[in-house]
Amino acid sequence: MSTMPLPIRTLPIAEQWDCHGCGRCCHQTIISLSADDRAKLLAQQWDENADYRGQRVMRRGLLGGGYTLAKRNDGACVFLLPDGRCRIHAEFGAEAKPLVCRMFPFQVVPLEKHANLGLRRSCPSAAANRGRPVREHLGEVRRLAEEGGLAGRPSLPPPIRRGQRGSWPRAMRVLDIFERMLCDARYPPVRRIVHGLQLCDLIEQCRLRKLDEQQFGELLELLENSVIAQSAAAFAERPPPRRSAAIVFRQMLLEYTRLHPLYVIRQNWGQRWRLVRMALGFARGKGSVPPIHECFPPATFAALEEPLGHLDAAVLQPLTAFFETAAASKHYAFLGHAGWPVIESLRALAVTYPVALWLLRLRCGRRRPEVDDAIDVVGAIDRGQGYAPLCGRRQRRRIASLSSLRELTRLVVWYAR
């Protein structure tokens, strides 16, 4: 029995976008192909094109997994032209491209009764809010979402915390509180994130099962007010993270560093050896940072712990907007973290804030960060969404470890100096 697709709504936060042809989405991006996508590519007969003869344009995953677009050795899509255009688009038109390419950077988040529409901020134009309001794209997005079945209902609502069955009313109440906190313009972004983390800790300590809906709502309201009133204490001394937490944090940094849009992954033995040296250097966390890529100036781990100082509002804006739109769209709790409780997903989102500020230090060295630097950093943390090493069991254990050590808030506050 077929069901009607969910209505798609834009966010209450103003978002703008148009493609400016930078081609960044065509680098280091995995493009999954549906059966329809594969049929279109086969019909285009690329195997008979002299430029692609003997070259794969699709690859299949291990053990019979799904198909993806092939890449060149530098990580670029096999169809990317030197001028930044897509060859499929150039020769056959926009409709001939895979659905993922046509949909990007729009992101549909199915909830219980509707789906939220937001932007993937790994697109520089989306991170900078350059273009038309998202609502002007809504008709096209609805068409594409229906074509790809992207506005169906999630199978189950997320539980609020581990060990409890999820329900839509309770999940949405908690998600709405996190949205209010992360979008609260009365406070700087670091303070909003601390509010969210401290609410996670309090929710984890409460016995929720025996509460009816009214009692549950009253408890959440009490906890929300308590967190906002008491969170200033977290900023009193700002001690550095403990050694055990720093080791776990550097493991995440190593993953996110490779997602920086200026980092080019080359599939060769030299690159593999570089990754081994990087892993060893990040595990030690002392002395010079191993050579990562020419886009990053030489640095020491100690220098990357120094305060950034005051950042101009324009520089901080792309990062602020990333967290506001993540909270408003609620994608952090549904896309990439399937099965995770809400509070674990919020913690995973929160830890990207100190990651972003560390990456900003790494990219800029001794010079002051600029807006484009912040946009690149937002690209890195946005690309972490759906990236298997940062959404799987290992990452979940890292988040749980930092939480049990009560180090998440300390990391956020420390790197926001």
Protein backbone atom coordinates (compact mmCIF):
# COMPACT_ATOMS: atom_id res chain seq x y z
CA MET A 1 0.00 0.00 0.00
CA SER A 2 1.53 3.34 -1.07
CA THR A 3 1.66 6.27 1.31
CA MET A 4 1.61 9.97 0.64
CA PRO A 5 5.04 11.63 0.92
CA LEU A 6 5.63 13.85 3.91
CA PRO A 7 5.21 17.58 3.37
CA ILE A 8 8.59 19.31 3.14
CA ARG A 9 9.16 22.55 5.07
CA THR A 10 11.96 25.07 5.03
CA LEU A 11 13.63 26.02 8.30
CA PRO A 12 12.67 29.02 10.46
CA ILE A 13 16.27 30.17 9.96
CA ALA A 14 17.00 32.07 6.75
CA GLU A 15 19.09 29.97 4.37
CA GLN A 16 20.25 30.99 0.90
CA TRP A 17 21.96 29.11 -1.90
CA ASP A 18 22.75 29.00 -5.57
CA CYS A 19 25.48 27.01 -7.32
CA HIS A 20 28.54 29.12 -8.12
CA GLY A 21 30.41 26.39 -9.97
CA CYS A 22 33.31 25.89 -7.56
CA GLY A 23 33.28 22.12 -8.15
CA ARG A 24 34.11 21.36 -4.53
CA CYS A 25 31.22 18.91 -4.23
CA CYS A 26 32.90 16.86 -6.98
CA HIS A 27 36.00 16.19 -4.85
CA GLN A 28 36.37 13.57 -2.11
CA THR A 29 32.62 12.88 -2.17
CA ILE A 30 31.08 9.42 -2.39
CA ILE A 31 28.16 9.48 -4.84
CA SER A 32 25.87 6.51 -4.29
CA LEU A 33 24.01 5.33 -7.37
CA SER A 34 20.47 4.01 -7.51
CA ALA A 35 19.32 1.47 -10.08
CA ASP A 36 17.90 4.35 -12.15
CA ASP A 37 21.21 6.21 -11.95
CA ARG A 38 23.11 3.17 -13.18
CA ALA A 39 20.66 2.65 -16.03
CA LYS A 40 21.13 6.27 -17.15
CA LEU A 41 24.93 5.97 -17.08
CA LEU A 42 24.85 2.75 -19.08
CA ALA A 43 22.52 4.35 -21.65
CA GLN A 44 25.00 7.22 -22.03
CA GLN A 45 27.55 4.66 -23.35
CA TRP A 46 30.63 6.12 -21.74
CA ASP A 47 32.52 2.94 -22.54
CA GLU A 48 32.36 3.96 -26.20
CA ASN A 49 33.65 7.46 -25.51
CA ALA A 50 37.32 7.77 -26.46
CA ASP A 51 38.10 9.72 -23.26
CA TYR A 52 36.69 6.96 -21.06
CA ARG A 53 37.61 3.83 -22.98
CA GLY A 54 39.08 1.30 -20.59
CA GLN A 55 38.17 3.48 -17.59
CA ARG A 56 35.45 2.67 -15.09
CA VAL A 57 32.80 5.29 -14.46
CA MET A 58 31.11 3.21 -11.72
CA ARG A 59 32.54 1.10 -8.93
CA ARG A 60 30.90 -1.54 -6.81
CA GLY A 61 31.47 -1.85 -3.08
CA LEU A 62 33.14 -4.81 -1.44
CA LEU A 63 31.14 -8.02 -0.99
CA GLY A 64 28.53 -6.99 -3.52
CA GLY A 65 27.78 -3.60 -2.02
CA GLY A 66 26.11 -0.73 -3.84
CA TYR A 67 27.54 1.20 -6.76
CA THR A 68 29.21 4.62 -6.59
CA LEU A 69 30.64 7.02 -9.16
CA ALA A 70 34.29 6.32 -9.89
CA LYS A 71 37.03 8.76 -8.89
CA ARG A 72 40.38 9.79 -10.22
CA ASN A 73 43.56 9.33 -8.22
CA ASP A 74 43.24 12.82 -6.74
CA GLY A 75 39.75 12.06 -5.41
CA ALA A 76 37.89 14.08 -8.05
CA CYS A 77 34.84 12.65 -9.78
CA VAL A 78 35.68 10.93 -13.03
CA PHE A 79 33.24 13.28 -14.81
CA LEU A 80 34.67 16.57 -13.47
CA LEU A 81 35.95 18.80 -16.29
CA PRO A 82 38.95 21.16 -15.88
CA ASP A 83 36.63 24.19 -15.86
CA GLY A 84 34.67 22.79 -12.88
CA ARG A 85 31.67 21.62 -14.89
CA CYS A 86 30.16 18.12 -14.89
CA ARG A 87 30.64 16.28 -18.17
CA ILE A 88 27.34 14.41 -17.79
CA HIS A 89 25.58 17.75 -17.38
CA ALA A 90 27.47 19.30 -20.28
CA GLU A 91 26.64 16.51 -22.74
CA PHE A 92 23.26 15.19 -21.59
CA GLY A 93 21.74 17.87 -19.34
CA ALA A 94 21.08 18.21 -15.61
CA GLU A 95 18.44 15.46 -15.49
CA ALA A 96 20.99 12.91 -16.70
CA LYS A 97 23.09 13.27 -13.53
CA PRO A 98 22.72 10.95 -10.51
CA LEU A 99 20.03 11.96 -8.04
CA VAL A 100 22.56 12.68 -5.27
CA CYS A 101 24.30 15.23 -7.51
CA ARG A 102 21.03 16.90 -8.51
CA MET A 103 19.87 17.06 -4.90
CA PHE A 104 23.06 18.48 -3.39
CA PRO A 105 23.37 20.56 -1.23
CA PHE A 106 19.72 20.17 -0.20
CA GLN A 107 19.07 17.79 2.66
CA VAL A 108 15.67 16.37 3.55
CA VAL A 109 15.17 15.21 7.16
CA PRO A 110 12.01 13.09 7.56
CA LEU A 111 10.31 13.45 10.95
CA GLU A 112 6.95 12.09 12.11
CA LYS A 113 4.51 14.41 10.31
CA HIS A 114 6.71 16.45 7.99
CA ALA A 115 10.25 16.64 6.64
CA ASN A 116 12.66 19.52 7.22
CA LEU A 117 14.66 20.95 4.35
CA GLY A 118 18.13 22.28 5.05
CA LEU A 119 21.48 22.74 3.31
CA ARG A 120 24.67 20.72 3.49
CA ARG A 121 27.20 23.32 4.55
CA SER A 122 30.11 21.50 2.96
CA CYS A 123 29.05 23.54 -0.08
CA PRO A 124 30.91 26.89 0.27
CA SER A 125 27.98 28.81 -1.19
CA ALA A 126 25.66 27.25 1.39
CA ALA A 127 28.10 27.95 4.24
CA ALA A 128 28.29 31.59 3.10
CA ASN A 129 24.51 31.91 2.43
CA ARG A 130 25.16 33.03 -1.14
CA GLY A 131 22.17 32.87 -3.47
CA ARG A 132 18.40 32.78 -3.46
CA PRO A 133 16.33 31.89 -0.39
CA VAL A 134 15.87 28.14 -0.01
CA ARG A 135 12.10 28.51 -0.28
CA GLU A 136 12.57 29.48 -3.94
CA HIS A 137 14.08 26.04 -4.58
CA LEU A 138 11.32 24.20 -2.72
CA GLY A 139 9.34 23.09 -5.78
CA GLU A 140 12.37 21.48 -7.43
CA VAL A 141 13.43 19.84 -4.17
CA ARG A 142 9.97 18.37 -3.70
CA ARG A 143 10.11 16.90 -7.20
CA LEU A 144 13.54 15.36 -6.62
CA ALA A 145 12.60 14.09 -3.16
CA GLU A 146 9.55 12.34 -4.58
CA GLU A 147 11.63 10.85 -7.39
CA GLY A 148 14.11 9.43 -4.90
CA GLY A 149 11.65 8.55 -2.14
CA LEU A 150 13.48 10.88 0.24
CA ALA A 151 10.44 12.11 2.16
CA GLY A 152 9.35 8.83 3.69
CA ARG A 153 8.95 8.32 7.43
CA PRO A 154 11.86 7.07 9.54
CA SER A 155 11.28 3.53 10.72
CA LEU A 156 11.45 4.46 14.41
CA PRO A 157 11.77 7.67 16.44
CA PRO A 158 15.11 7.95 18.25
CA PRO A 159 15.27 7.11 21.96
CA ILE A 160 16.20 9.98 24.24
CA ARG A 161 18.89 8.03 26.01
CA ARG A 162 20.39 4.57 25.79
CA GLY A 163 18.27 1.65 26.91
CA GLN A 164 14.89 3.29 26.34
CA ARG A 165 12.42 2.89 23.52
CA GLY A 166 11.83 6.06 21.54
CA SER A 167 8.55 7.88 21.10
CA TRP A 168 7.90 10.79 18.75
CA PRO A 169 6.31 13.15 21.31
CA ARG A 170 9.18 12.81 23.79
CA ALA A 171 11.92 12.87 21.17
CA MET A 172 10.50 16.02 19.62
CA ARG A 173 10.21 17.74 23.00
CA VAL A 174 13.89 17.18 23.68
CA LEU A 175 14.93 18.08 20.13
CA ASP A 176 12.94 21.31 20.32
CA ILE A 177 14.70 22.28 23.55
CA PHE A 178 18.09 21.68 21.95
CA GLU A 179 16.97 23.83 19.02
CA ARG A 180 16.03 26.68 21.36
CA MET A 181 19.36 26.42 23.13
CA LEU A 182 21.57 26.29 20.04
CA CYS A 183 19.66 29.13 18.35
CA ASP A 184 19.48 31.39 21.41
CA ALA A 185 21.01 34.64 20.17
CA ARG A 186 21.33 35.98 23.73
CA TYR A 187 24.46 33.85 24.16
CA PRO A 188 27.63 33.20 22.13
CA PRO A 189 27.82 29.83 20.34
CA VAL A 190 30.15 28.28 22.90
CA ARG A 191 27.72 29.06 25.72
CA ARG A 192 24.79 27.59 23.77
CA ILE A 193 26.68 24.35 23.18
CA VAL A 194 27.57 24.11 26.86
CA HIS A 195 23.88 24.53 27.69
CA GLY A 196 23.08 21.58 25.44
CA LEU A 197 25.80 19.36 26.89
CA GLN A 198 24.82 20.07 30.46
CA LEU A 199 21.19 19.30 29.65
CA CYS A 200 22.33 15.96 28.20
CA ASP A 201 24.08 15.15 31.48
CA LEU A 202 21.00 16.00 33.54
CA ILE A 203 18.64 14.01 31.31
CA GLU A 204 20.94 11.01 31.59
CA GLN A 205 20.66 11.12 35.38
CA CYS A 206 16.86 11.28 35.47
CA ARG A 207 14.40 8.42 35.65
CA LEU A 208 12.05 9.12 32.79
CA ARG A 209 10.07 5.92 32.31
CA LYS A 210 7.53 6.44 35.07
CA LEU A 211 6.74 10.04 34.12
CA ASP A 212 3.55 10.83 32.21
CA GLU A 213 3.67 13.38 29.41
CA GLN A 214 2.81 16.33 31.62
CA GLN A 215 5.40 15.38 34.23
CA PHE A 216 7.97 14.81 31.47
CA GLY A 217 7.35 18.27 30.02
CA GLU A 218 7.55 19.92 33.45
CA LEU A 219 10.83 18.14 34.19
CA LEU A 220 12.37 19.27 30.90
CA GLU A 221 11.32 22.87 31.54
CA LEU A 222 12.90 22.73 34.99
CA LEU A 223 16.12 21.24 33.64
CA GLU A 224 16.32 23.78 30.80
CA ASN A 225 16.02 26.73 33.18
CA SER A 226 18.51 25.18 35.60
CA VAL A 227 21.16 24.65 32.93
CA ILE A 228 20.98 28.22 31.64
CA ALA A 229 21.25 29.62 35.16
CA GLN A 230 24.20 27.46 36.22
CA SER A 231 26.32 27.08 33.08
CA ALA A 232 28.47 30.17 33.74
CA ALA A 233 30.52 28.10 36.21
CA ALA A 234 31.96 26.10 33.29
CA PHE A 235 33.78 29.25 32.09
CA ALA A 236 35.31 30.27 35.41
CA GLU A 237 38.73 28.60 35.10
CA ARG A 238 38.83 26.86 31.68
CA PRO A 239 41.29 24.06 32.55
CA PRO A 240 42.78 22.06 29.67
CA PRO A 241 41.37 18.61 28.87
CA ARG A 242 42.88 15.73 30.78
CA ARG A 243 45.47 13.57 29.04
CA SER A 244 43.09 10.64 28.52
CA ALA A 245 40.50 12.92 26.94
CA ALA A 246 43.13 14.64 24.77
CA ILE A 247 44.14 11.27 23.30
CA VAL A 248 40.56 10.42 22.38
CA PHE A 249 40.03 13.91 20.97
CA ARG A 250 43.13 13.68 18.76
CA GLN A 251 41.80 10.43 17.30
CA MET A 252 38.78 12.38 16.09
CA LEU A 253 40.96 15.25 14.88
CA LEU A 254 42.90 12.87 12.67
CA GLU A 255 39.68 11.81 10.94
CA TYR A 256 38.36 15.36 10.50
CA THR A 257 41.69 16.70 9.24
CA ARG A 258 41.38 14.43 6.20
CA LEU A 259 37.93 15.90 5.49
CA HIS A 260 39.21 19.45 5.14
CA PRO A 261 38.27 20.54 1.61
CA LEU A 262 41.84 21.61 0.80
CA TYR A 263 43.21 18.21 1.78
CA VAL A 264 43.67 16.07 -1.34
CA ILE A 265 43.68 12.30 -0.78
CA ARG A 266 45.88 10.54 -3.30
CA GLN A 267 45.64 6.78 -3.61
CA ASN A 268 49.32 5.81 -3.61
CA TRP A 269 51.88 4.28 -1.27
CA GLY A 270 53.34 7.66 -0.37
CA GLN A 271 49.93 8.76 0.89
CA ARG A 272 49.51 5.56 2.88
CA TRP A 273 52.89 6.03 4.54
CA ARG A 274 51.98 9.64 5.34
CA LEU A 275 48.78 8.44 7.04
CA VAL A 276 50.77 6.01 9.19
CA ARG A 277 53.11 8.82 10.29
CA MET A 278 50.13 11.07 10.96
CA ALA A 279 48.47 8.42 13.11
CA LEU A 280 51.62 7.88 15.16
CA GLY A 281 52.20 11.61 15.59
CA PHE A 282 48.61 12.32 16.62
CA ALA A 283 48.70 9.44 19.11
CA ARG A 284 51.78 10.97 20.76
CA GLY A 285 50.50 14.54 20.57
CA LYS A 286 53.88 16.15 21.26
CA GLY A 287 56.37 18.14 19.25
CA SER A 288 55.67 19.02 15.64
CA VAL A 289 52.43 18.06 13.95
CA PRO A 290 53.27 15.48 11.25
CA PRO A 291 53.22 16.90 7.70
CA ILE A 292 49.59 16.58 6.68
CA HIS A 293 49.22 18.57 3.47
CA GLU A 294 50.81 21.61 1.93
CA CYS A 295 47.68 23.65 2.71
CA PHE A 296 48.54 23.46 6.43
CA PRO A 297 51.55 25.48 7.64
CA PRO A 298 54.05 23.79 9.98
CA ALA A 299 52.82 23.73 13.57
CA THR A 300 53.42 22.13 16.93
CA PHE A 301 50.76 20.47 19.02
CA ALA A 302 51.53 22.93 21.81
CA ALA A 303 50.91 25.92 19.51
CA LEU A 304 47.52 24.51 18.55
CA GLU A 305 46.49 24.65 22.21
CA GLU A 306 47.09 28.40 22.44
CA PRO A 307 44.09 30.77 22.62
CA LEU A 308 42.61 31.93 19.33
CA GLY A 309 41.56 35.19 20.93
CA HIS A 310 38.56 37.21 19.88
CA LEU A 311 37.17 36.27 16.45
CA ASP A 312 35.28 38.80 14.35
CA ALA A 313 31.56 38.09 14.15
CA ALA A 314 31.85 37.63 10.37
CA VAL A 315 34.50 34.92 10.83
CA LEU A 316 32.45 33.10 13.44
CA GLN A 317 29.18 33.37 11.49
CA PRO A 318 29.61 30.30 9.22
CA LEU A 319 30.26 28.14 12.28
CA THR A 320 27.36 29.68 14.20
CA ALA A 321 25.03 29.10 11.26
CA PHE A 322 26.17 25.47 11.00
CA PHE A 323 25.03 24.73 14.54
CA GLU A 324 21.85 26.74 14.28
CA THR A 325 20.73 24.99 11.11
CA ALA A 326 21.77 21.57 12.43
CA ALA A 327 19.56 22.15 15.48
CA ALA A 328 16.65 23.56 13.47
CA SER A 329 16.68 20.82 10.81
CA LYS A 330 17.42 18.15 13.45
CA HIS A 331 19.55 16.28 10.95
CA TYR A 332 22.19 15.48 13.59
CA ALA A 333 19.73 13.10 15.30
CA PHE A 334 18.58 11.28 12.17
CA LEU A 335 21.08 11.33 9.33
CA GLY A 336 24.30 9.40 9.87
CA HIS A 337 23.53 8.46 13.49
CA ALA A 338 20.74 5.95 12.92
CA GLY A 339 19.82 4.24 16.17
CA TRP A 340 21.74 6.66 18.38
CA PRO A 341 19.86 8.20 21.32
CA VAL A 342 19.16 11.92 21.00
CA ILE A 343 21.59 12.94 23.73
CA GLU A 344 24.43 10.95 22.14
CA SER A 345 23.75 12.60 18.78
CA LEU A 346 23.77 16.04 20.42
CA ARG A 347 27.10 15.24 22.07
CA ALA A 348 28.52 14.13 18.71
CA LEU A 349 27.38 17.44 17.21
CA ALA A 350 28.81 19.44 20.12
CA VAL A 351 32.28 17.91 19.86
CA THR A 352 32.58 19.23 16.31
CA TYR A 353 32.82 22.75 17.78
CA PRO A 354 36.26 22.24 19.38
CA VAL A 355 37.24 20.18 16.33
CA ALA A 356 36.42 23.16 14.11
CA LEU A 357 38.37 25.61 16.26
CA TRP A 358 41.40 23.28 16.34
CA LEU A 359 41.26 22.98 12.54
CA LEU A 360 41.04 26.76 12.30
CA ARG A 361 44.25 27.04 14.33
CA LEU A 362 45.92 24.41 12.14
CA ARG A 363 44.91 26.08 8.87
CA CYS A 364 45.85 29.63 9.83
CA GLY A 365 49.02 29.14 11.82
CA ARG A 366 50.05 32.53 13.17
CA ARG A 367 47.81 34.66 10.96
CA ARG A 368 44.32 35.78 11.95
CA PRO A 369 41.48 33.57 10.65
CA GLU A 370 39.38 34.93 7.80
CA VAL A 371 35.85 34.11 6.67
CA ASP A 372 37.04 31.72 3.95
CA ASP A 373 39.03 29.78 6.56
CA ALA A 374 35.89 29.35 8.65
CA ILE A 375 33.91 28.24 5.58
CA ASP A 376 36.52 25.56 4.85
CA VAL A 377 36.42 24.34 8.44
CA VAL A 378 32.62 24.16 8.33
CA GLY A 379 33.04 22.07 5.18
CA ALA A 380 35.17 19.59 7.11
CA ILE A 381 32.77 19.09 10.01
CA ASP A 382 29.78 18.95 7.67
CA ARG A 383 31.47 16.23 5.62
CA GLY A 384 31.82 14.24 8.82
CA GLN A 385 28.07 13.72 8.70
CA GLY A 386 27.56 10.29 7.18
CA TYR A 387 31.32 9.57 7.08
CA ALA A 388 31.57 6.01 8.36
CA PRO A 389 34.59 6.41 10.72
CA LEU A 390 32.77 9.29 12.45
CA CYS A 391 29.33 7.69 12.63
CA GLY A 392 30.07 4.12 13.60
CA ARG A 393 30.69 2.17 16.78
CA ARG A 394 34.21 3.48 17.31
CA GLN A 395 33.06 7.11 17.26
CA ARG A 396 30.16 6.27 19.52
CA ARG A 397 32.60 4.76 22.03
CA ARG A 398 34.77 7.88 21.83
CA ILE A 399 31.80 10.12 22.57
CA ALA A 400 30.72 7.86 25.44
CA SER A 401 34.26 7.89 26.86
CA LEU A 402 34.52 11.69 26.78
CA SER A 403 31.07 11.96 28.34
CA SER A 404 31.82 9.53 31.16
CA LEU A 405 35.01 11.46 31.90
CA ARG A 406 32.97 14.71 32.02
CA GLU A 407 35.35 16.11 29.42
CA LEU A 408 33.06 17.22 26.60
CA THR A 409 32.23 20.59 28.16
CA ARG A 410 35.87 21.09 29.08
CA LEU A 411 36.95 20.49 25.46
CA VAL A 412 34.37 22.94 24.11
CA VAL A 413 35.33 25.67 26.57
CA TRP A 414 39.08 25.10 26.24
CA TYR A 415 39.25 25.44 22.45
CA ALA A 416 36.89 28.42 22.45
CA ARG A 417 39.54 30.51 24.25
